[in-house]
Amino acid sequence: MFFGSTSTAELYTPAVLVPAPVLLSTGDSTGQGAIVHAATGQLASPDNPAVAGEILAIPFTGLPDGSVIPPQLTIGGRLAEVLFIDVAPDTPGAGAVYVRMPSGVTPGPAVAVRLIYIGRTSNEVKLAAQ
């Protein structure tokens, strides 16, 4: 039996589109992220890979200052625990997100890292993981 009703929905489009955040890289052709071991300040590289449980600092641009919604970050497809965000005082929207390297990441010299903020996904950078 048909009752003649239909469903409707409205799509919201904001007046100003906000670009996705950007993770910074070392600038070489490998896509290596400018990701450092928080304890030493050394680059997490194939010669010095990240290990499960350690804290990493991952630089970014494009996050709004003062946001109460934290970003999410994936390493090798696994969600990393976001510990805090350190914003650059003289560069709006820039800083570093500090995360705990998740366990269960498949080791390798070029593990994918992405930042997600309110449904917008950053570029992908690479991280060496052990």
N, C-alpha and C. Protein backbone atom coordinates (compact mmCIF):
# COMPACT_ATOMS: atom_id res chain seq x y z
N MET A 1 0.85 -1.17 0.00
CA MET A 1 0.00 0.00 0.00
C MET A 1 0.89 1.23 0.00
N PHE A 2 0.59 2.23 -0.82
CA PHE A 2 1.39 3.45 -0.95
C PHE A 2 0.63 4.59 -0.29
N PHE A 3 1.32 5.34 0.59
CA PHE A 3 0.68 6.43 1.32
C PHE A 3 0.99 7.80 0.75
N GLY A 4 1.87 7.91 -0.25
CA GLY A 4 2.11 9.18 -0.92
C GLY A 4 3.08 10.11 -0.21
N SER A 5 3.80 9.67 0.78
CA SER A 5 4.76 10.57 1.44
C SER A 5 6.15 10.38 0.84
N THR A 6 6.95 11.44 0.89
CA THR A 6 8.32 11.38 0.40
C THR A 6 9.25 11.95 1.46
N SER A 7 10.48 11.54 1.42
CA SER A 7 11.48 12.06 2.35
C SER A 7 12.26 13.16 1.66
N THR A 8 12.67 14.15 2.45
CA THR A 8 13.49 15.23 1.90
C THR A 8 14.66 15.48 2.84
N ALA A 9 15.68 16.12 2.30
CA ALA A 9 16.85 16.48 3.09
C ALA A 9 17.46 17.74 2.50
N GLU A 10 18.13 18.49 3.34
CA GLU A 10 18.84 19.68 2.88
C GLU A 10 20.32 19.47 3.10
N LEU A 11 21.12 19.95 2.17
CA LEU A 11 22.57 19.89 2.31
C LEU A 11 23.07 21.26 2.75
N TYR A 12 23.94 21.25 3.73
CA TYR A 12 24.53 22.50 4.21
C TYR A 12 25.85 22.73 3.51
N THR A 13 26.00 23.88 2.92
CA THR A 13 27.26 24.30 2.32
C THR A 13 27.69 25.58 3.01
N PRO A 14 28.83 25.53 3.73
CA PRO A 14 29.27 26.74 4.43
C PRO A 14 29.65 27.85 3.45
N ALA A 15 29.53 29.08 3.92
CA ALA A 15 29.84 30.24 3.09
C ALA A 15 31.32 30.26 2.69
N VAL A 16 32.18 29.81 3.58
CA VAL A 16 33.61 29.77 3.31
C VAL A 16 34.08 28.32 3.45
N LEU A 17 34.61 27.77 2.38
CA LEU A 17 35.13 26.41 2.43
C LEU A 17 36.51 26.44 3.08
N VAL A 18 36.72 25.55 4.02
CA VAL A 18 37.98 25.49 4.75
C VAL A 18 38.82 24.38 4.15
N PRO A 19 40.06 24.69 3.74
CA PRO A 19 40.88 23.64 3.15
C PRO A 19 41.30 22.59 4.18
N ALA A 20 41.70 21.45 3.70
CA ALA A 20 42.18 20.37 4.57
C ALA A 20 43.51 20.76 5.19
N PRO A 21 43.81 20.23 6.38
CA PRO A 21 45.12 20.50 6.99
C PRO A 21 46.24 19.87 6.15
N VAL A 22 47.46 20.35 6.37
CA VAL A 22 48.62 19.87 5.63
C VAL A 22 49.68 19.39 6.61
N LEU A 23 50.16 18.15 6.41
CA LEU A 23 51.29 17.65 7.19
C LEU A 23 52.56 18.03 6.45
N LEU A 24 53.58 18.43 7.20
CA LEU A 24 54.81 18.89 6.59
C LEU A 24 55.75 17.72 6.32
N SER A 25 56.53 17.85 5.26
CA SER A 25 57.47 16.81 4.89
C SER A 25 58.88 17.38 4.87
N THR A 26 59.84 16.49 4.69
CA THR A 26 61.24 16.92 4.64
C THR A 26 61.58 17.53 3.29
N GLY A 27 60.70 17.37 2.32
CA GLY A 27 60.93 17.95 1.00
C GLY A 27 61.68 17.04 0.04
N ASP A 28 62.04 15.84 0.49
CA ASP A 28 62.72 14.94 -0.44
C ASP A 28 61.69 14.16 -1.26
N SER A 29 62.14 13.39 -2.21
CA SER A 29 61.23 12.72 -3.13
C SER A 29 60.54 11.50 -2.52
N THR A 30 60.91 11.10 -1.30
CA THR A 30 60.31 9.91 -0.69
C THR A 30 58.99 10.20 0.02
N GLY A 31 58.67 11.47 0.25
CA GLY A 31 57.46 11.81 0.97
C GLY A 31 57.62 11.69 2.47
N GLN A 32 58.87 11.57 2.93
CA GLN A 32 59.17 11.46 4.36
C GLN A 32 58.60 12.66 5.11
N GLY A 33 57.78 12.39 6.13
CA GLY A 33 57.24 13.45 6.95
C GLY A 33 58.32 14.07 7.83
N ALA A 34 58.13 15.32 8.19
CA ALA A 34 59.06 16.02 9.09
C ALA A 34 58.70 15.65 10.53
N ILE A 35 58.60 14.36 10.79
CA ILE A 35 58.14 13.82 12.06
C ILE A 35 59.35 13.53 12.94
N VAL A 36 59.29 13.99 14.19
CA VAL A 36 60.44 13.80 15.07
C VAL A 36 60.05 13.01 16.31
N HIS A 37 61.05 12.33 16.86
CA HIS A 37 60.90 11.66 18.15
C HIS A 37 60.86 12.79 19.19
N ALA A 38 59.78 12.89 19.95
CA ALA A 38 59.63 13.99 20.92
C ALA A 38 60.72 13.97 21.98
N ALA A 39 61.18 12.80 22.37
CA ALA A 39 62.17 12.70 23.44
C ALA A 39 63.54 13.21 23.02
N THR A 40 63.87 13.07 21.72
CA THR A 40 65.22 13.44 21.27
C THR A 40 65.24 14.60 20.29
N GLY A 41 64.11 14.87 19.63
CA GLY A 41 64.08 15.91 18.60
C GLY A 41 64.69 15.45 17.28
N GLN A 42 65.04 14.16 17.17
CA GLN A 42 65.63 13.63 15.95
C GLN A 42 64.53 13.18 14.98
N LEU A 43 64.83 13.30 13.71
CA LEU A 43 63.90 12.88 12.67
C LEU A 43 63.66 11.38 12.74
N ALA A 44 62.40 10.98 12.65
CA ALA A 44 62.04 9.56 12.58
C ALA A 44 62.28 9.13 11.13
N SER A 45 63.34 8.40 10.90
CA SER A 45 63.78 8.03 9.56
C SER A 45 64.04 6.53 9.50
N PRO A 46 64.33 5.99 8.31
CA PRO A 46 64.65 4.56 8.23
C PRO A 46 65.83 4.16 9.13
N ASP A 47 66.76 5.06 9.36
CA ASP A 47 67.88 4.78 10.25
C ASP A 47 67.52 4.97 11.72
N ASN A 48 66.40 5.60 11.98
CA ASN A 48 65.96 5.92 13.34
C ASN A 48 64.43 5.83 13.40
N PRO A 49 63.86 4.63 13.22
CA PRO A 49 62.40 4.49 13.08
C PRO A 49 61.63 4.71 14.38
N ALA A 50 60.37 5.03 14.23
CA ALA A 50 59.46 5.16 15.37
C ALA A 50 59.09 3.78 15.88
N VAL A 51 58.86 3.68 17.18
CA VAL A 51 58.45 2.41 17.78
C VAL A 51 57.16 2.60 18.56
N ALA A 52 56.41 1.53 18.70
CA ALA A 52 55.13 1.56 19.41
C ALA A 52 55.31 2.14 20.81
N GLY A 53 54.40 3.02 21.19
CA GLY A 53 54.38 3.59 22.53
C GLY A 53 55.13 4.89 22.68
N GLU A 54 56.03 5.20 21.75
CA GLU A 54 56.80 6.44 21.91
C GLU A 54 55.98 7.65 21.44
N ILE A 55 56.38 8.82 21.87
CA ILE A 55 55.69 10.06 21.51
C ILE A 55 56.39 10.69 20.32
N LEU A 56 55.58 11.08 19.34
CA LEU A 56 56.07 11.72 18.13
C LEU A 56 55.48 13.11 18.00
N ALA A 57 56.25 14.04 17.45
CA ALA A 57 55.77 15.39 17.14
C ALA A 57 55.63 15.48 15.63
N ILE A 58 54.42 15.81 15.18
CA ILE A 58 54.12 15.83 13.75
C ILE A 58 53.67 17.24 13.37
N PRO A 59 54.51 17.98 12.62
CA PRO A 59 54.17 19.37 12.27
C PRO A 59 53.07 19.46 11.21
N PHE A 60 52.28 20.52 11.31
CA PHE A 60 51.14 20.71 10.40
C PHE A 60 50.92 22.20 10.15
N THR A 61 50.11 22.48 9.17
CA THR A 61 49.51 23.79 8.96
C THR A 61 48.04 23.55 8.64
N GLY A 62 47.23 24.59 8.82
CA GLY A 62 45.84 24.50 8.40
C GLY A 62 44.82 24.08 9.43
N LEU A 63 45.19 24.06 10.72
CA LEU A 63 44.19 23.80 11.76
C LEU A 63 43.82 25.14 12.40
N PRO A 64 42.54 25.37 12.65
CA PRO A 64 42.13 26.64 13.26
C PRO A 64 42.65 26.77 14.69
N ASP A 65 43.12 27.95 15.03
CA ASP A 65 43.58 28.20 16.40
C ASP A 65 42.40 28.19 17.36
N GLY A 66 42.62 27.64 18.54
CA GLY A 66 41.60 27.66 19.59
C GLY A 66 40.47 26.68 19.40
N SER A 67 40.61 25.74 18.48
CA SER A 67 39.54 24.79 18.25
C SER A 67 39.40 23.84 19.44
N VAL A 68 38.18 23.53 19.79
CA VAL A 68 37.93 22.60 20.90
C VAL A 68 37.79 21.17 20.41
N ILE A 69 37.71 20.98 19.10
CA ILE A 69 37.60 19.65 18.54
C ILE A 69 39.00 19.19 18.15
N PRO A 70 39.50 18.13 18.78
CA PRO A 70 40.85 17.68 18.44
C PRO A 70 40.86 16.94 17.10
N PRO A 71 42.00 16.99 16.41
CA PRO A 71 42.10 16.21 15.18
C PRO A 71 42.32 14.74 15.50
N GLN A 72 42.20 13.91 14.50
CA GLN A 72 42.56 12.50 14.61
C GLN A 72 43.76 12.30 13.70
N LEU A 73 44.57 11.31 14.04
CA LEU A 73 45.75 11.05 13.24
C LEU A 73 45.91 9.54 13.10
N THR A 74 46.15 9.09 11.87
CA THR A 74 46.37 7.67 11.65
C THR A 74 47.80 7.43 11.20
N ILE A 75 48.37 6.36 11.71
CA ILE A 75 49.70 5.90 11.31
C ILE A 75 49.54 4.45 10.89
N GLY A 76 49.85 4.19 9.63
CA GLY A 76 49.68 2.83 9.12
C GLY A 76 48.25 2.34 9.22
N GLY A 77 47.30 3.24 9.11
CA GLY A 77 45.89 2.88 9.20
C GLY A 77 45.36 2.71 10.61
N ARG A 78 46.22 2.89 11.61
CA ARG A 78 45.80 2.77 13.02
C ARG A 78 45.68 4.15 13.63
N LEU A 79 44.65 4.32 14.44
CA LEU A 79 44.43 5.60 15.11
C LEU A 79 45.47 5.80 16.21
N ALA A 80 46.15 6.93 16.17
CA ALA A 80 47.14 7.27 17.19
C ALA A 80 46.47 8.09 18.28
N GLU A 81 46.92 7.94 19.51
CA GLU A 81 46.40 8.72 20.62
C GLU A 81 46.97 10.14 20.53
N VAL A 82 46.09 11.14 20.38
CA VAL A 82 46.53 12.52 20.34
C VAL A 82 46.70 13.00 21.78
N LEU A 83 47.91 13.42 22.12
CA LEU A 83 48.22 13.85 23.48
C LEU A 83 47.98 15.34 23.66
N PHE A 84 48.50 16.15 22.76
CA PHE A 84 48.25 17.59 22.79
C PHE A 84 48.71 18.22 21.49
N ILE A 85 48.30 19.47 21.30
CA ILE A 85 48.67 20.23 20.11
C ILE A 85 49.44 21.46 20.58
N ASP A 86 50.59 21.66 19.99
CA ASP A 86 51.44 22.81 20.29
C ASP A 86 51.33 23.76 19.10
N VAL A 87 50.68 24.90 19.28
CA VAL A 87 50.50 25.84 18.18
C VAL A 87 51.65 26.83 18.13
N ALA A 88 52.00 27.23 16.93
CA ALA A 88 53.06 28.21 16.73
C ALA A 88 52.49 29.59 17.04
N PRO A 89 53.06 30.34 18.00
CA PRO A 89 52.48 31.62 18.40
C PRO A 89 52.50 32.68 17.30
N ASP A 90 53.44 32.62 16.39
CA ASP A 90 53.55 33.66 15.36
C ASP A 90 53.07 33.22 13.98
N THR A 91 52.55 31.98 13.87
CA THR A 91 52.06 31.49 12.59
C THR A 91 50.69 30.86 12.79
N PRO A 92 49.61 31.61 12.56
CA PRO A 92 48.26 31.08 12.78
C PRO A 92 48.01 29.79 11.98
N GLY A 93 47.43 28.81 12.67
CA GLY A 93 47.07 27.56 12.02
C GLY A 93 48.20 26.56 11.91
N ALA A 94 49.39 26.91 12.39
CA ALA A 94 50.54 26.01 12.29
C ALA A 94 50.95 25.52 13.68
N GLY A 95 51.61 24.39 13.71
CA GLY A 95 52.09 23.85 14.97
C GLY A 95 52.48 22.40 14.81
N ALA A 96 52.40 21.66 15.91
CA ALA A 96 52.71 20.22 15.88
C ALA A 96 51.69 19.50 16.75
N VAL A 97 51.28 18.35 16.28
CA VAL A 97 50.41 17.50 17.07
C VAL A 97 51.30 16.41 17.66
N TYR A 98 51.16 16.19 18.96
CA TYR A 98 51.95 15.18 19.67
C TYR A 98 51.07 13.96 19.86
N VAL A 99 51.57 12.82 19.38
CA VAL A 99 50.80 11.58 19.44
C VAL A 99 51.66 10.45 20.00
N ARG A 100 50.98 9.43 20.48
CA ARG A 100 51.65 8.21 20.90
C ARG A 100 51.58 7.24 19.73
N MET A 101 52.72 6.74 19.32
CA MET A 101 52.80 5.79 18.21
C MET A 101 51.98 4.55 18.58
N PRO A 102 50.97 4.20 17.75
CA PRO A 102 50.13 3.04 18.08
C PRO A 102 50.87 1.72 17.90
N SER A 103 50.43 0.72 18.62
CA SER A 103 50.98 -0.62 18.43
C SER A 103 50.25 -1.28 17.27
N GLY A 104 50.84 -2.32 16.74
CA GLY A 104 50.20 -3.06 15.67
C GLY A 104 50.42 -2.49 14.28
N VAL A 105 51.25 -1.44 14.17
CA VAL A 105 51.54 -0.86 12.85
C VAL A 105 52.52 -1.80 12.14
N THR A 106 52.24 -2.13 10.90
CA THR A 106 53.15 -2.97 10.13
C THR A 106 54.45 -2.22 9.91
N PRO A 107 55.57 -2.78 10.35
CA PRO A 107 56.85 -2.08 10.21
C PRO A 107 57.22 -1.83 8.76
N GLY A 108 57.99 -0.77 8.55
CA GLY A 108 58.47 -0.47 7.21
C GLY A 108 59.07 0.92 7.14
N PRO A 109 59.77 1.23 6.05
CA PRO A 109 60.42 2.52 5.91
C PRO A 109 59.49 3.64 5.44
N ALA A 110 58.27 3.29 5.01
CA ALA A 110 57.37 4.30 4.45
C ALA A 110 55.92 4.02 4.84
N VAL A 111 55.62 4.13 6.14
CA VAL A 111 54.27 3.91 6.65
C VAL A 111 53.47 5.21 6.47
N ALA A 112 52.23 5.09 6.01
CA ALA A 112 51.39 6.25 5.74
C ALA A 112 50.91 6.93 7.02
N VAL A 113 50.97 8.28 7.02
CA VAL A 113 50.49 9.10 8.13
C VAL A 113 49.53 10.14 7.55
N ARG A 114 48.35 10.26 8.19
CA ARG A 114 47.35 11.25 7.77
C ARG A 114 46.70 11.88 8.98
N LEU A 115 46.33 13.13 8.85
CA LEU A 115 45.62 13.86 9.89
C LEU A 115 44.20 14.13 9.39
N ILE A 116 43.21 13.90 10.24
CA ILE A 116 41.81 14.13 9.87
C ILE A 116 41.23 15.15 10.84
N TYR A 117 40.62 16.19 10.26
CA TYR A 117 40.01 17.22 11.10
C TYR A 117 38.63 17.56 10.55
N ILE A 118 37.61 17.27 11.31
CA ILE A 118 36.21 17.52 10.95
C ILE A 118 35.92 17.04 9.52
N GLY A 119 36.27 15.79 9.27
CA GLY A 119 35.95 15.19 7.99
C GLY A 119 36.88 15.55 6.84
N ARG A 120 37.86 16.40 7.09
CA ARG A 120 38.81 16.79 6.04
C ARG A 120 40.13 16.06 6.30
N THR A 121 40.62 15.34 5.30
CA THR A 121 41.82 14.54 5.44
C THR A 121 43.01 15.26 4.81
N SER A 122 44.12 15.27 5.54
CA SER A 122 45.34 15.92 5.07
C SER A 122 45.99 15.12 3.95
N ASN A 123 47.06 15.69 3.46
CA ASN A 123 47.95 14.96 2.56
C ASN A 123 48.56 13.79 3.32
N GLU A 124 49.14 12.88 2.62
CA GLU A 124 49.81 11.73 3.24
C GLU A 124 51.31 11.98 3.26
N VAL A 125 51.93 11.75 4.42
CA VAL A 125 53.37 11.73 4.51
C VAL A 125 53.79 10.36 5.01
N LYS A 126 55.07 10.08 4.90
CA LYS A 126 55.59 8.75 5.26
C LYS A 126 56.39 8.82 6.57
N LEU A 127 56.39 7.71 7.28
CA LEU A 127 57.10 7.56 8.54
C LEU A 127 57.75 6.18 8.56
N ALA A 128 59.01 6.12 8.98
CA ALA A 128 59.66 4.83 9.17
C ALA A 128 59.22 4.27 10.52
N ALA A 129 58.74 3.04 10.54
CA ALA A 129 58.24 2.43 11.77
C ALA A 129 58.90 1.06 11.97
N GLN A 130 59.18 0.76 13.23
CA GLN A 130 59.78 -0.52 13.56
C GLN A 130 58.77 -1.42 14.23
